[in-house]
Amino acid sequence: MSENSVLEKSVWRQYHKENNFREMIVEYSKLESIDLIQDDKELYGVLKSKLTKKELKLFAMDTAGVNDENIKDAFEYSDDDLEKAKFKLYKKLKQDKTRLPFRQTSED
């Protein structure tokens, strides 16, 4: 119950009806779902720790299909700023230092 309540109030849930960040991590980090940390709360915690607050909000908004005009308004970005921010975010999700902590460790 407490796990769900924490996730219910997350930045992610402001833009998504479901806690589908696991699927988005798989899609953008090029990891396999089976390799990810099993506990959603723990996985979301790693996601929060690896992205800045702005990047996490951008990731949530962009993957929820929020249109670019609304995203630009939320962040006060120009077209160029938004393009650069998205590029940086998705590049970061593919980098080993960001994506490898999403993996379940063999000790668990």
Protein backbone atom coordinates (compact mmCIF):
# COMPACT_ATOMS: atom_id res chain seq x y z
CA MET A 1 0.00 0.00 0.00
CA SER A 2 2.71 2.51 0.95
CA GLU A 3 4.66 1.62 -2.20
CA ASN A 4 1.67 2.45 -4.37
CA SER A 5 0.88 5.66 -2.51
CA VAL A 6 4.45 6.91 -3.05
CA LEU A 7 4.22 6.15 -6.76
CA GLU A 8 0.68 7.59 -7.01
CA LYS A 9 2.05 11.00 -5.99
CA SER A 10 5.09 10.86 -8.28
CA VAL A 11 5.92 13.27 -11.10
CA TRP A 12 5.36 10.31 -13.43
CA ARG A 13 1.73 9.90 -12.36
CA GLN A 14 1.00 13.57 -13.05
CA TYR A 15 1.25 12.68 -16.74
CA HIS A 16 0.60 8.92 -16.90
CA LYS A 17 -2.42 6.94 -15.71
CA GLU A 18 -0.21 3.92 -15.04
CA ASN A 19 3.21 3.39 -13.47
CA ASN A 20 4.56 2.41 -16.89
CA PHE A 21 8.00 3.94 -16.38
CA ARG A 22 9.43 0.39 -16.43
CA GLU A 23 8.38 -0.03 -20.09
CA MET A 24 9.77 3.40 -20.97
CA ILE A 25 13.10 2.63 -19.28
CA VAL A 26 13.32 -0.58 -21.33
CA GLU A 27 12.47 1.26 -24.53
CA TYR A 28 14.92 4.13 -24.11
CA SER A 29 17.79 2.50 -22.20
CA LYS A 30 18.05 -0.58 -24.44
CA LEU A 31 17.85 -2.93 -21.44
CA GLU A 32 15.68 -6.02 -21.18
CA SER A 33 12.70 -5.82 -18.83
CA ILE A 34 13.73 -9.04 -17.10
CA ASP A 35 17.06 -7.43 -16.13
CA LEU A 36 15.47 -4.47 -14.34
CA ILE A 37 15.07 -4.10 -10.59
CA GLN A 38 11.82 -5.91 -9.78
CA ASP A 39 10.53 -3.50 -7.13
CA ASP A 40 8.80 -0.54 -8.83
CA LYS A 41 9.44 1.84 -5.93
CA GLU A 42 13.15 1.02 -5.94
CA LEU A 43 13.35 1.27 -9.74
CA TYR A 44 11.60 4.65 -9.71
CA GLY A 45 14.02 5.78 -7.00
CA VAL A 46 16.96 4.94 -9.26
CA LEU A 47 15.29 6.79 -12.15
CA LYS A 48 14.83 9.85 -9.91
CA SER A 49 18.45 9.68 -8.76
CA LYS A 50 19.86 9.47 -12.29
CA LEU A 51 17.82 12.27 -13.85
CA THR A 52 17.49 15.86 -12.74
CA LYS A 53 14.01 16.99 -11.68
CA LYS A 54 13.64 18.77 -15.02
CA GLU A 55 14.77 15.70 -16.98
CA LEU A 56 12.37 13.44 -15.06
CA LYS A 57 9.46 15.79 -15.72
CA LEU A 58 10.44 16.07 -19.39
CA PHE A 59 10.67 12.27 -19.66
CA ALA A 60 7.25 11.87 -18.05
CA MET A 61 5.64 14.55 -20.22
CA ASP A 62 7.24 13.45 -23.50
CA THR A 63 6.46 9.74 -23.05
CA ALA A 64 2.88 10.63 -22.07
CA GLY A 65 2.44 12.31 -25.43
CA VAL A 66 2.16 15.87 -24.09
CA ASN A 67 2.55 18.11 -27.13
CA ASP A 68 5.73 20.09 -27.60
CA GLU A 69 3.96 23.45 -27.20
CA ASN A 70 2.78 22.51 -23.70
CA ILE A 71 6.22 21.17 -22.80
CA LYS A 72 7.85 24.40 -24.02
CA ASP A 73 5.41 26.41 -21.92
CA ALA A 74 6.07 24.29 -18.81
CA PHE A 75 9.84 24.74 -19.07
CA GLU A 76 9.90 28.13 -20.83
CA TYR A 77 11.90 26.54 -23.65
CA SER A 78 12.34 27.69 -27.22
CA ASP A 79 12.06 25.12 -30.02
CA ASP A 80 15.84 24.78 -29.99
CA ASP A 81 16.01 24.44 -26.19
CA LEU A 82 13.40 21.67 -26.24
CA GLU A 83 15.17 19.79 -29.02
CA LYS A 84 18.47 19.96 -27.11
CA ALA A 85 16.85 18.92 -23.81
CA LYS A 86 15.19 15.87 -25.39
CA PHE A 87 18.41 14.88 -27.16
CA LYS A 88 20.38 15.15 -23.91
CA LEU A 89 17.75 13.23 -21.93
CA TYR A 90 17.49 10.27 -24.32
CA LYS A 91 21.25 10.17 -24.82
CA LYS A 92 21.70 10.08 -21.03
CA LEU A 93 19.28 7.14 -20.69
CA LYS A 94 21.47 5.10 -23.06
CA GLN A 95 24.72 5.81 -21.22
CA ASP A 96 26.03 2.99 -19.04
CA LYS A 97 26.46 5.21 -15.98
CA THR A 98 22.72 5.99 -16.12
CA ARG A 99 21.21 2.75 -17.31
CA LEU A 100 23.29 0.09 -15.51
CA PRO A 101 21.97 0.99 -12.02
CA PHE A 102 18.48 0.03 -13.29
CA ARG A 103 19.63 -3.59 -13.43
CA GLN A 104 18.77 -6.10 -10.74
CA THR A 105 21.91 -7.12 -8.89
CA SER A 106 22.73 -10.79 -8.50
CA GLU A 107 22.76 -10.38 -4.70
CA ASP A 108 18.99 -9.76 -4.63
